[in-house]
Amino acid sequence: MPEQTRAKVALDDKMVMLFEGNMRRIFAMKITRSTFREIQNVILNCTDQNQELANFFFETLLTGQIKFEIPNEKHREIIEDVIKFFTIPARLAKEVFERGDFVNIITSDLVTQQDQCAFLNRVRRIDGEEFTFMSDAQNTLHLVQHFAGRLQELSTNPTGKEEIAKYKKELSIVGERLKQLSL
């Protein structure tokens, strides 16, 4: 079977150096909601608005794969370095842009002082913002009731019903844990 030839992409020194240098500059700073847009703007500017080349750089950066032949070995090495160092941060920038306000992780520590117990709760969003709050048993139950009510409301919405059906197993586990708390 004949080997398929990959399409060649014509890059120039200025374009490749601008791309690599700007990726270093962008990711020398904290990833924020605007980082992904900044990546898009840099790629369009580096390629002088050439949509085909912009798509090449963008796809290469996000997939971590070079799908075209790059005849110039020096250019290929630079692009491979960009992939190595910036594909994961670029993917994170895209996720922050699209879902930054969503919760990434919640942790809690049980703290006791004399005869009182409370939880020190930490919530971190995908964009890295974090906040801390304290809750006791009463406040924790209030949160559980609140979110259980929100899930119940979701189940009455046609689109929400489909979404919540995906988590039947997780809901079953939560139900079992609540049953175990019964005194």
C-alpha atoms as a PDB file:
ATOM      1  CA  MET A   1       0.000   0.000   0.000  1.00  0.00           C
ATOM      2  CA  PRO A   2       1.524   3.370  -0.958  1.00  0.00           C
ATOM      3  CA  GLU A   3       2.445   5.734   1.858  1.00  0.00           C
ATOM      4  CA  GLN A   4       0.215   8.781   2.052  1.00  0.00           C
ATOM      5  CA  THR A   5       2.067  12.044   1.680  1.00  0.00           C
ATOM      6  CA  ARG A   6       1.231  14.754   4.137  1.00  0.00           C
ATOM      7  CA  ALA A   7       0.517  18.251   2.961  1.00  0.00           C
ATOM      8  CA  LYS A   8       3.390  20.666   3.427  1.00  0.00           C
ATOM      9  CA  VAL A   9       3.050  23.863   5.353  1.00  0.00           C
ATOM     10  CA  ALA A  10       5.177  26.862   4.378  1.00  0.00           C
ATOM     11  CA  LEU A  11       6.441  28.749   7.403  1.00  0.00           C
ATOM     12  CA  ASP A  12       8.972  31.543   7.642  1.00  0.00           C
ATOM     13  CA  ASP A  13      11.491  32.402  10.376  1.00  0.00           C
ATOM     14  CA  LYS A  14       9.633  35.516  11.544  1.00  0.00           C
ATOM     15  CA  MET A  15       6.321  33.667  11.868  1.00  0.00           C
ATOM     16  CA  VAL A  16       7.777  30.743  13.819  1.00  0.00           C
ATOM     17  CA  MET A  17       9.837  32.990  16.116  1.00  0.00           C
ATOM     18  CA  LEU A  18       6.850  35.259  16.821  1.00  0.00           C
ATOM     19  CA  PHE A  19       4.684  32.247  17.600  1.00  0.00           C
ATOM     20  CA  GLU A  20       7.210  30.669  19.956  1.00  0.00           C
ATOM     21  CA  GLY A  21       8.146  33.957  21.644  1.00  0.00           C
ATOM     22  CA  ASN A  22       4.556  34.981  22.200  1.00  0.00           C
ATOM     23  CA  MET A  23       3.656  31.596  23.681  1.00  0.00           C
ATOM     24  CA  ARG A  24       6.513  32.087  26.164  1.00  0.00           C
ATOM     25  CA  ARG A  25       5.241  35.577  26.993  1.00  0.00           C
ATOM     26  CA  ILE A  26       1.612  34.504  27.373  1.00  0.00           C
ATOM     27  CA  PHE A  27       2.396  31.580  29.649  1.00  0.00           C
ATOM     28  CA  ALA A  28       4.891  33.517  31.761  1.00  0.00           C
ATOM     29  CA  MET A  29       1.759  35.045  33.316  1.00  0.00           C
ATOM     30  CA  LYS A  30      -1.145  33.521  35.207  1.00  0.00           C
ATOM     31  CA  ILE A  31      -3.775  31.840  33.039  1.00  0.00           C
ATOM     32  CA  THR A  32      -6.976  33.896  33.091  1.00  0.00           C
ATOM     33  CA  ARG A  33     -10.174  34.057  31.076  1.00  0.00           C
ATOM     34  CA  SER A  34      -8.475  36.239  28.482  1.00  0.00           C
ATOM     35  CA  THR A  35      -5.485  33.934  27.928  1.00  0.00           C
ATOM     36  CA  PHE A  36      -7.265  31.802  25.324  1.00  0.00           C
ATOM     37  CA  ARG A  37      -8.332  34.874  23.345  1.00  0.00           C
ATOM     38  CA  GLU A  38      -4.775  36.163  23.571  1.00  0.00           C
ATOM     39  CA  ILE A  39      -3.529  32.879  22.058  1.00  0.00           C
ATOM     40  CA  GLN A  40      -6.019  33.249  19.205  1.00  0.00           C
ATOM     41  CA  ASN A  41      -4.956  36.853  18.565  1.00  0.00           C
ATOM     42  CA  VAL A  42      -1.252  35.986  18.632  1.00  0.00           C
ATOM     43  CA  ILE A  43      -1.725  33.163  16.147  1.00  0.00           C
ATOM     44  CA  LEU A  44      -3.710  35.371  13.763  1.00  0.00           C
ATOM     45  CA  ASN A  45      -1.110  38.150  14.026  1.00  0.00           C
ATOM     46  CA  CYS A  46       1.847  35.780  13.562  1.00  0.00           C
ATOM     47  CA  THR A  47       0.290  34.399  10.400  1.00  0.00           C
ATOM     48  CA  ASP A  48      -0.783  37.804   9.018  1.00  0.00           C
ATOM     49  CA  GLN A  49      -4.433  36.685   9.199  1.00  0.00           C
ATOM     50  CA  ASN A  50      -3.744  33.668   6.946  1.00  0.00           C
ATOM     51  CA  GLN A  51      -6.565  31.358   8.055  1.00  0.00           C
ATOM     52  CA  GLU A  52      -4.905  28.180   6.784  1.00  0.00           C
ATOM     53  CA  LEU A  53      -1.663  28.846   8.681  1.00  0.00           C
ATOM     54  CA  ALA A  54      -3.579  30.048  11.738  1.00  0.00           C
ATOM     55  CA  ASN A  55      -5.539  26.783  11.742  1.00  0.00           C
ATOM     56  CA  PHE A  56      -2.265  24.846  11.467  1.00  0.00           C
ATOM     57  CA  PHE A  57      -0.744  26.615  14.497  1.00  0.00           C
ATOM     58  CA  PHE A  58      -3.940  26.439  16.527  1.00  0.00           C
ATOM     59  CA  GLU A  59      -4.594  22.755  15.804  1.00  0.00           C
ATOM     60  CA  THR A  60      -0.946  21.876  16.395  1.00  0.00           C
ATOM     61  CA  LEU A  61      -0.920  23.706  19.723  1.00  0.00           C
ATOM     62  CA  LEU A  62      -4.163  22.190  21.032  1.00  0.00           C
ATOM     63  CA  THR A  63      -3.734  18.632  19.757  1.00  0.00           C
ATOM     64  CA  GLY A  64      -0.014  18.412  20.426  1.00  0.00           C
ATOM     65  CA  GLN A  65       0.498  16.838  17.002  1.00  0.00           C
ATOM     66  CA  ILE A  66       2.025  18.123  13.794  1.00  0.00           C
ATOM     67  CA  LYS A  67      -0.259  16.898  11.033  1.00  0.00           C
ATOM     68  CA  PHE A  68       1.594  18.578   8.165  1.00  0.00           C
ATOM     69  CA  GLU A  69       5.085  18.184   6.799  1.00  0.00           C
ATOM     70  CA  ILE A  70       7.415  21.006   7.800  1.00  0.00           C
ATOM     71  CA  PRO A  71      10.310  21.007   5.334  1.00  0.00           C
ATOM     72  CA  ASN A  72      12.558  23.281   7.436  1.00  0.00           C
ATOM     73  CA  GLU A  73      14.075  21.174  10.259  1.00  0.00           C
ATOM     74  CA  LYS A  74      14.742  24.234  12.466  1.00  0.00           C
ATOM     75  CA  HIS A  75      11.085  25.287  12.208  1.00  0.00           C
ATOM     76  CA  ARG A  76       9.968  21.751  13.030  1.00  0.00           C
ATOM     77  CA  GLU A  77      12.163  21.693  16.157  1.00  0.00           C
ATOM     78  CA  ILE A  78      10.738  25.014  17.356  1.00  0.00           C
ATOM     79  CA  ILE A  79       7.173  23.830  16.767  1.00  0.00           C
ATOM     80  CA  GLU A  80       7.956  20.599  18.642  1.00  0.00           C
ATOM     81  CA  ASP A  81       9.273  22.667  21.578  1.00  0.00           C
ATOM     82  CA  VAL A  82       6.106  24.776  21.553  1.00  0.00           C
ATOM     83  CA  ILE A  83       4.071  21.576  21.687  1.00  0.00           C
ATOM     84  CA  LYS A  84       6.203  20.177  24.493  1.00  0.00           C
ATOM     85  CA  PHE A  85       5.986  23.266  26.684  1.00  0.00           C
ATOM     86  CA  PHE A  86       2.672  24.893  25.792  1.00  0.00           C
ATOM     87  CA  THR A  87       0.087  22.315  24.654  1.00  0.00           C
ATOM     88  CA  ILE A  88      -1.079  21.485  28.174  1.00  0.00           C
ATOM     89  CA  PRO A  89      -1.212  25.144  29.308  1.00  0.00           C
ATOM     90  CA  ALA A  90      -3.079  26.041  26.084  1.00  0.00           C
ATOM     91  CA  ARG A  91      -5.646  23.311  26.756  1.00  0.00           C
ATOM     92  CA  LEU A  92      -6.030  24.615  30.303  1.00  0.00           C
ATOM     93  CA  ALA A  93      -6.457  28.163  28.961  1.00  0.00           C
ATOM     94  CA  LYS A  94      -9.256  26.888  26.703  1.00  0.00           C
ATOM     95  CA  GLU A  95     -10.946  25.151  29.635  1.00  0.00           C
ATOM     96  CA  VAL A  96     -10.667  28.282  31.801  1.00  0.00           C
ATOM     97  CA  PHE A  97     -12.125  30.343  28.957  1.00  0.00           C
ATOM     98  CA  GLU A  98     -15.054  27.956  28.481  1.00  0.00           C
ATOM     99  CA  ARG A  99     -15.699  26.735  32.041  1.00  0.00           C
ATOM    100  CA  GLY A 100     -13.699  28.960  34.405  1.00  0.00           C
ATOM    101  CA  ASP A 101     -16.525  29.550  36.890  1.00  0.00           C
ATOM    102  CA  PHE A 102     -17.237  25.853  37.350  1.00  0.00           C
ATOM    103  CA  VAL A 103     -16.024  24.055  40.465  1.00  0.00           C
ATOM    104  CA  ASN A 104     -12.817  22.098  40.011  1.00  0.00           C
ATOM    105  CA  ILE A 105     -12.424  20.665  43.516  1.00  0.00           C
ATOM    106  CA  ILE A 106     -13.957  20.909  46.967  1.00  0.00           C
ATOM    107  CA  THR A 107     -12.091  19.835  50.072  1.00  0.00           C
ATOM    108  CA  SER A 108     -13.048  19.934  53.741  1.00  0.00           C
ATOM    109  CA  ASP A 109     -11.201  19.443  56.992  1.00  0.00           C
ATOM    110  CA  LEU A 110     -12.914  18.585  60.256  1.00  0.00           C
ATOM    111  CA  VAL A 111     -11.792  20.997  62.943  1.00  0.00           C
ATOM    112  CA  THR A 112     -12.666  20.704  66.606  1.00  0.00           C
ATOM    113  CA  GLN A 113     -12.338  23.148  69.427  1.00  0.00           C
ATOM    114  CA  GLN A 114     -13.455  22.129  72.894  1.00  0.00           C
ATOM    115  CA  ASP A 115     -16.880  20.489  72.372  1.00  0.00           C
ATOM    116  CA  GLN A 116     -17.594  22.014  68.952  1.00  0.00           C
ATOM    117  CA  CYS A 117     -16.977  20.539  65.514  1.00  0.00           C
ATOM    118  CA  ALA A 118     -16.946  22.398  62.216  1.00  0.00           C
ATOM    119  CA  PHE A 119     -15.686  21.981  58.687  1.00  0.00           C
ATOM    120  CA  LEU A 120     -13.132  24.189  57.029  1.00  0.00           C
ATOM    121  CA  ASN A 121     -14.251  24.034  53.376  1.00  0.00           C
ATOM    122  CA  ARG A 122     -12.207  25.081  50.356  1.00  0.00           C
ATOM    123  CA  VAL A 123     -13.703  25.475  46.896  1.00  0.00           C
ATOM    124  CA  ARG A 124     -11.493  25.993  43.858  1.00  0.00           C
ATOM    125  CA  ARG A 125     -12.840  26.933  40.467  1.00  0.00           C
ATOM    126  CA  ILE A 126     -11.319  25.794  37.176  1.00  0.00           C
ATOM    127  CA  ASP A 127      -9.856  29.277  36.699  1.00  0.00           C
ATOM    128  CA  GLY A 128      -7.891  28.835  39.941  1.00  0.00           C
ATOM    129  CA  GLU A 129      -9.931  31.207  42.092  1.00  0.00           C
ATOM    130  CA  GLU A 130     -10.409  29.743  45.546  1.00  0.00           C
ATOM    131  CA  PHE A 131     -12.483  30.589  48.549  1.00  0.00           C
ATOM    132  CA  THR A 132     -12.782  29.186  52.040  1.00  0.00           C
ATOM    133  CA  PHE A 133     -15.750  28.999  54.373  1.00  0.00           C
ATOM    134  CA  MET A 134     -16.623  27.378  57.667  1.00  0.00           C
ATOM    135  CA  SER A 135     -19.709  25.256  58.253  1.00  0.00           C
ATOM    136  CA  ASP A 136     -21.040  23.342  61.204  1.00  0.00           C
ATOM    137  CA  ALA A 137     -23.469  20.395  61.079  1.00  0.00           C
ATOM    138  CA  GLN A 138     -26.468  22.698  60.686  1.00  0.00           C
ATOM    139  CA  ASN A 139     -24.919  24.707  57.833  1.00  0.00           C
ATOM    140  CA  THR A 140     -23.641  21.557  56.136  1.00  0.00           C
ATOM    141  CA  LEU A 141     -27.133  20.031  56.201  1.00  0.00           C
ATOM    142  CA  HIS A 142     -28.492  23.288  54.819  1.00  0.00           C
ATOM    143  CA  LEU A 143     -26.051  22.974  51.887  1.00  0.00           C
ATOM    144  CA  VAL A 144     -27.024  19.323  51.324  1.00  0.00           C
ATOM    145  CA  GLN A 145     -30.723  20.254  51.333  1.00  0.00           C
ATOM    146  CA  HIS A 146     -30.106  23.146  48.992  1.00  0.00           C
ATOM    147  CA  PHE A 147     -28.212  21.093  46.425  1.00  0.00           C
ATOM    148  CA  ALA A 148     -30.602  18.142  46.706  1.00  0.00           C
ATOM    149  CA  GLY A 149     -33.420  20.585  45.927  1.00  0.00           C
ATOM    150  CA  ARG A 150     -31.483  21.929  42.942  1.00  0.00           C
ATOM    151  CA  LEU A 151     -30.996  18.392  41.600  1.00  0.00           C
ATOM    152  CA  GLN A 152     -34.690  17.679  42.116  1.00  0.00           C
ATOM    153  CA  GLU A 153     -35.526  20.851  40.183  1.00  0.00           C
ATOM    154  CA  LEU A 154     -33.126  19.775  37.441  1.00  0.00           C
ATOM    155  CA  SER A 155     -34.917  16.435  37.155  1.00  0.00           C
ATOM    156  CA  THR A 156     -38.198  18.214  36.324  1.00  0.00           C
ATOM    157  CA  ASN A 157     -36.632  20.046  33.382  1.00  0.00           C
ATOM    158  CA  PRO A 158     -36.637  18.025  30.100  1.00  0.00           C
ATOM    159  CA  THR A 159     -32.979  18.785  29.327  1.00  0.00           C
ATOM    160  CA  GLY A 160     -32.007  18.471  32.970  1.00  0.00           C
ATOM    161  CA  LYS A 161     -33.686  15.081  33.229  1.00  0.00           C
ATOM    162  CA  GLU A 162     -31.368  13.725  30.534  1.00  0.00           C
ATOM    163  CA  GLU A 163     -28.362  15.268  32.253  1.00  0.00           C
ATOM    164  CA  ILE A 164     -29.169  13.913  35.715  1.00  0.00           C
ATOM    165  CA  ALA A 165     -29.873  10.436  34.296  1.00  0.00           C
ATOM    166  CA  LYS A 166     -26.144  10.206  33.526  1.00  0.00           C
ATOM    167  CA  TYR A 167     -25.409  10.284  37.265  1.00  0.00           C
ATOM    168  CA  LYS A 168     -27.758   7.575  38.493  1.00  0.00           C
ATOM    169  CA  LYS A 169     -24.895   5.599  40.077  1.00  0.00           C
ATOM    170  CA  GLU A 170     -23.490   8.646  41.899  1.00  0.00           C
ATOM    171  CA  LEU A 171     -26.948   9.587  43.186  1.00  0.00           C
ATOM    172  CA  SER A 172     -27.423   6.046  44.451  1.00  0.00           C
ATOM    173  CA  ILE A 173     -24.144   6.279  46.381  1.00  0.00           C
ATOM    174  CA  VAL A 174     -25.223   9.597  47.930  1.00  0.00           C
ATOM    175  CA  GLY A 175     -28.559   8.029  48.917  1.00  0.00           C
ATOM    176  CA  GLU A 176     -26.785   5.101  50.585  1.00  0.00           C
ATOM    177  CA  ARG A 177     -24.494   7.434  52.513  1.00  0.00           C
ATOM    178  CA  LEU A 178     -27.465   9.406  53.775  1.00  0.00           C
ATOM    179  CA  LYS A 179     -29.184   6.190  54.877  1.00  0.00           C
ATOM    180  CA  GLN A 180     -26.049   5.239  56.828  1.00  0.00           C
ATOM    181  CA  LEU A 181     -26.319   8.530  58.747  1.00  0.00           C
ATOM    182  CA  SER A 182     -29.775   7.618  60.102  1.00  0.00           C
ATOM    183  CA  LEU A 183     -29.651   7.236  63.841  1.00  0.00           C
END
